[in-house]
Amino acid sequence: MPKLAEFSIDYNNRKLLTDGDVNKWNMAKFIARIEYKQEFERLLQEMAPFQLN
């Protein structure tokens, strides 16, 4: 595990992400969150002996 100072220097030396990269990353996280929620709800319905409100 790198020390915080080392990490900060390494991070600052990297090129900044473009807006396009950030938008793609945010969209991927958003889609993953929706898919995770749908899968979680499906599993809950399978496990529940009765329908939850």
N, C-alpha and C. Protein backbone atom coordinates (compact mmCIF):
# COMPACT_ATOMS: atom_id res chain seq x y z
N MET A 1 0.85 -1.20 0.00
CA MET A 1 0.00 0.00 0.00
C MET A 1 0.89 1.24 0.00
N PRO A 2 0.81 2.05 -1.06
CA PRO A 2 1.66 3.25 -1.12
C PRO A 2 1.21 4.29 -0.11
N LYS A 3 2.17 5.06 0.34
CA LYS A 3 1.83 6.14 1.27
C LYS A 3 1.03 7.19 0.53
N LEU A 4 0.25 7.95 1.27
CA LEU A 4 -0.63 8.95 0.67
C LEU A 4 0.15 9.96 -0.16
N ALA A 5 1.29 10.43 0.36
CA ALA A 5 2.09 11.42 -0.36
C ALA A 5 2.57 10.86 -1.70
N GLU A 6 3.03 9.60 -1.68
CA GLU A 6 3.49 8.97 -2.92
C GLU A 6 2.34 8.85 -3.91
N PHE A 7 1.19 8.49 -3.41
CA PHE A 7 0.02 8.37 -4.28
C PHE A 7 -0.34 9.71 -4.90
N SER A 8 -0.29 10.77 -4.08
CA SER A 8 -0.64 12.11 -4.57
C SER A 8 0.30 12.54 -5.69
N ILE A 9 1.61 12.30 -5.50
CA ILE A 9 2.58 12.67 -6.53
C ILE A 9 2.31 11.89 -7.81
N ASP A 10 2.07 10.59 -7.67
CA ASP A 10 1.79 9.74 -8.82
C ASP A 10 0.54 10.22 -9.54
N TYR A 11 -0.48 10.54 -8.77
CA TYR A 11 -1.75 10.98 -9.34
C TYR A 11 -1.58 12.29 -10.09
N ASN A 12 -0.82 13.22 -9.49
CA ASN A 12 -0.63 14.53 -10.12
C ASN A 12 0.21 14.45 -11.38
N ASN A 13 1.03 13.41 -11.50
CA ASN A 13 1.87 13.25 -12.69
C ASN A 13 1.10 12.67 -13.87
N ARG A 14 -0.06 12.09 -13.61
CA ARG A 14 -0.84 11.51 -14.70
C ARG A 14 -1.53 12.61 -15.49
N LYS A 15 -1.82 12.29 -16.76
CA LYS A 15 -2.58 13.23 -17.58
C LYS A 15 -4.02 13.28 -17.06
N LEU A 16 -4.59 14.45 -17.12
CA LEU A 16 -5.99 14.59 -16.69
C LEU A 16 -6.91 13.92 -17.70
N LEU A 17 -7.98 13.35 -17.21
CA LEU A 17 -8.97 12.74 -18.10
C LEU A 17 -9.69 13.82 -18.89
N THR A 18 -10.05 13.50 -20.11
CA THR A 18 -10.86 14.44 -20.89
C THR A 18 -12.31 14.34 -20.43
N ASP A 19 -13.11 15.34 -20.80
CA ASP A 19 -14.53 15.33 -20.45
C ASP A 19 -15.22 14.10 -21.02
N GLY A 20 -14.82 13.70 -22.22
CA GLY A 20 -15.41 12.52 -22.84
C GLY A 20 -15.16 11.26 -22.03
N ASP A 21 -13.93 11.12 -21.53
CA ASP A 21 -13.59 9.96 -20.70
C ASP A 21 -14.44 9.95 -19.44
N VAL A 22 -14.58 11.12 -18.83
CA VAL A 22 -15.36 11.22 -17.59
C VAL A 22 -16.82 10.88 -17.86
N ASN A 23 -17.36 11.39 -18.97
CA ASN A 23 -18.76 11.11 -19.30
C ASN A 23 -18.99 9.62 -19.54
N LYS A 24 -18.06 8.98 -20.24
CA LYS A 24 -18.19 7.54 -20.49
C LYS A 24 -18.14 6.76 -19.18
N TRP A 25 -17.23 7.17 -18.30
CA TRP A 25 -17.08 6.50 -17.01
C TRP A 25 -18.35 6.66 -16.18
N ASN A 26 -18.89 7.89 -16.13
CA ASN A 26 -20.10 8.13 -15.36
C ASN A 26 -21.28 7.34 -15.92
N MET A 27 -21.39 7.25 -17.24
CA MET A 27 -22.47 6.49 -17.85
C MET A 27 -22.34 5.01 -17.52
N ALA A 28 -21.12 4.49 -17.56
CA ALA A 28 -20.89 3.08 -17.23
C ALA A 28 -21.28 2.79 -15.78
N LYS A 29 -20.93 3.70 -14.88
CA LYS A 29 -21.29 3.52 -13.47
C LYS A 29 -22.80 3.57 -13.31
N PHE A 30 -23.46 4.49 -14.04
CA PHE A 30 -24.90 4.65 -13.96
C PHE A 30 -25.61 3.39 -14.44
N ILE A 31 -25.16 2.86 -15.58
CA ILE A 31 -25.77 1.65 -16.13
C ILE A 31 -25.54 0.46 -15.20
N ALA A 32 -24.33 0.35 -14.65
CA ALA A 32 -24.03 -0.76 -13.74
C ALA A 32 -24.92 -0.69 -12.50
N ARG A 33 -25.17 0.53 -12.03
CA ARG A 33 -26.00 0.70 -10.84
C ARG A 33 -27.43 0.23 -11.13
N ILE A 34 -27.96 0.58 -12.30
CA ILE A 34 -29.32 0.17 -12.68
C ILE A 34 -29.39 -1.35 -12.80
N GLU A 35 -28.40 -1.96 -13.49
CA GLU A 35 -28.40 -3.41 -13.66
C GLU A 35 -28.28 -4.12 -12.33
N TYR A 36 -27.46 -3.59 -11.44
CA TYR A 36 -27.29 -4.19 -10.11
C TYR A 36 -28.61 -4.14 -9.35
N LYS A 37 -29.29 -3.00 -9.42
CA LYS A 37 -30.56 -2.82 -8.71
C LYS A 37 -31.61 -3.80 -9.25
N GLN A 38 -31.68 -3.94 -10.57
CA GLN A 38 -32.65 -4.86 -11.17
C GLN A 38 -32.36 -6.30 -10.75
N GLU A 39 -31.09 -6.68 -10.77
CA GLU A 39 -30.71 -8.04 -10.38
C GLU A 39 -31.02 -8.29 -8.91
N PHE A 40 -30.75 -7.29 -8.08
CA PHE A 40 -31.00 -7.40 -6.65
C PHE A 40 -32.50 -7.58 -6.39
N GLU A 41 -33.33 -6.79 -7.08
CA GLU A 41 -34.78 -6.90 -6.91
C GLU A 41 -35.29 -8.25 -7.39
N ARG A 42 -34.70 -8.77 -8.48
CA ARG A 42 -35.11 -10.07 -8.99
C ARG A 42 -34.78 -11.17 -7.98
N LEU A 43 -33.59 -11.08 -7.39
CA LEU A 43 -33.20 -12.08 -6.38
C LEU A 43 -34.10 -11.99 -5.15
N LEU A 44 -34.44 -10.79 -4.75
CA LEU A 44 -35.34 -10.62 -3.60
C LEU A 44 -36.68 -11.27 -3.87
N GLN A 45 -37.20 -11.09 -5.09
CA GLN A 45 -38.49 -11.67 -5.44
C GLN A 45 -38.42 -13.19 -5.45
N GLU A 46 -37.29 -13.74 -5.92
CA GLU A 46 -37.14 -15.20 -5.92
C GLU A 46 -37.09 -15.76 -4.50
N MET A 47 -36.44 -15.03 -3.61
CA MET A 47 -36.27 -15.53 -2.24
C MET A 47 -37.51 -15.32 -1.38
N ALA A 48 -38.26 -14.26 -1.67
CA ALA A 48 -39.40 -13.92 -0.82
C ALA A 48 -40.55 -14.90 -1.07
N PRO A 49 -41.10 -15.49 -0.01
CA PRO A 49 -42.23 -16.41 -0.17
C PRO A 49 -43.53 -15.67 -0.51
N PHE A 50 -43.53 -14.35 -0.30
CA PHE A 50 -44.70 -13.55 -0.65
C PHE A 50 -44.22 -12.24 -1.25
N GLN A 51 -45.13 -11.58 -1.97
CA GLN A 51 -44.76 -10.33 -2.65
C GLN A 51 -44.64 -9.20 -1.64
N LEU A 52 -43.50 -8.51 -1.69
CA LEU A 52 -43.29 -7.36 -0.81
C LEU A 52 -43.78 -6.09 -1.48
N ASN A 53 -44.28 -5.17 -0.69
CA ASN A 53 -44.73 -3.89 -1.26
C ASN A 53 -43.54 -2.98 -1.49
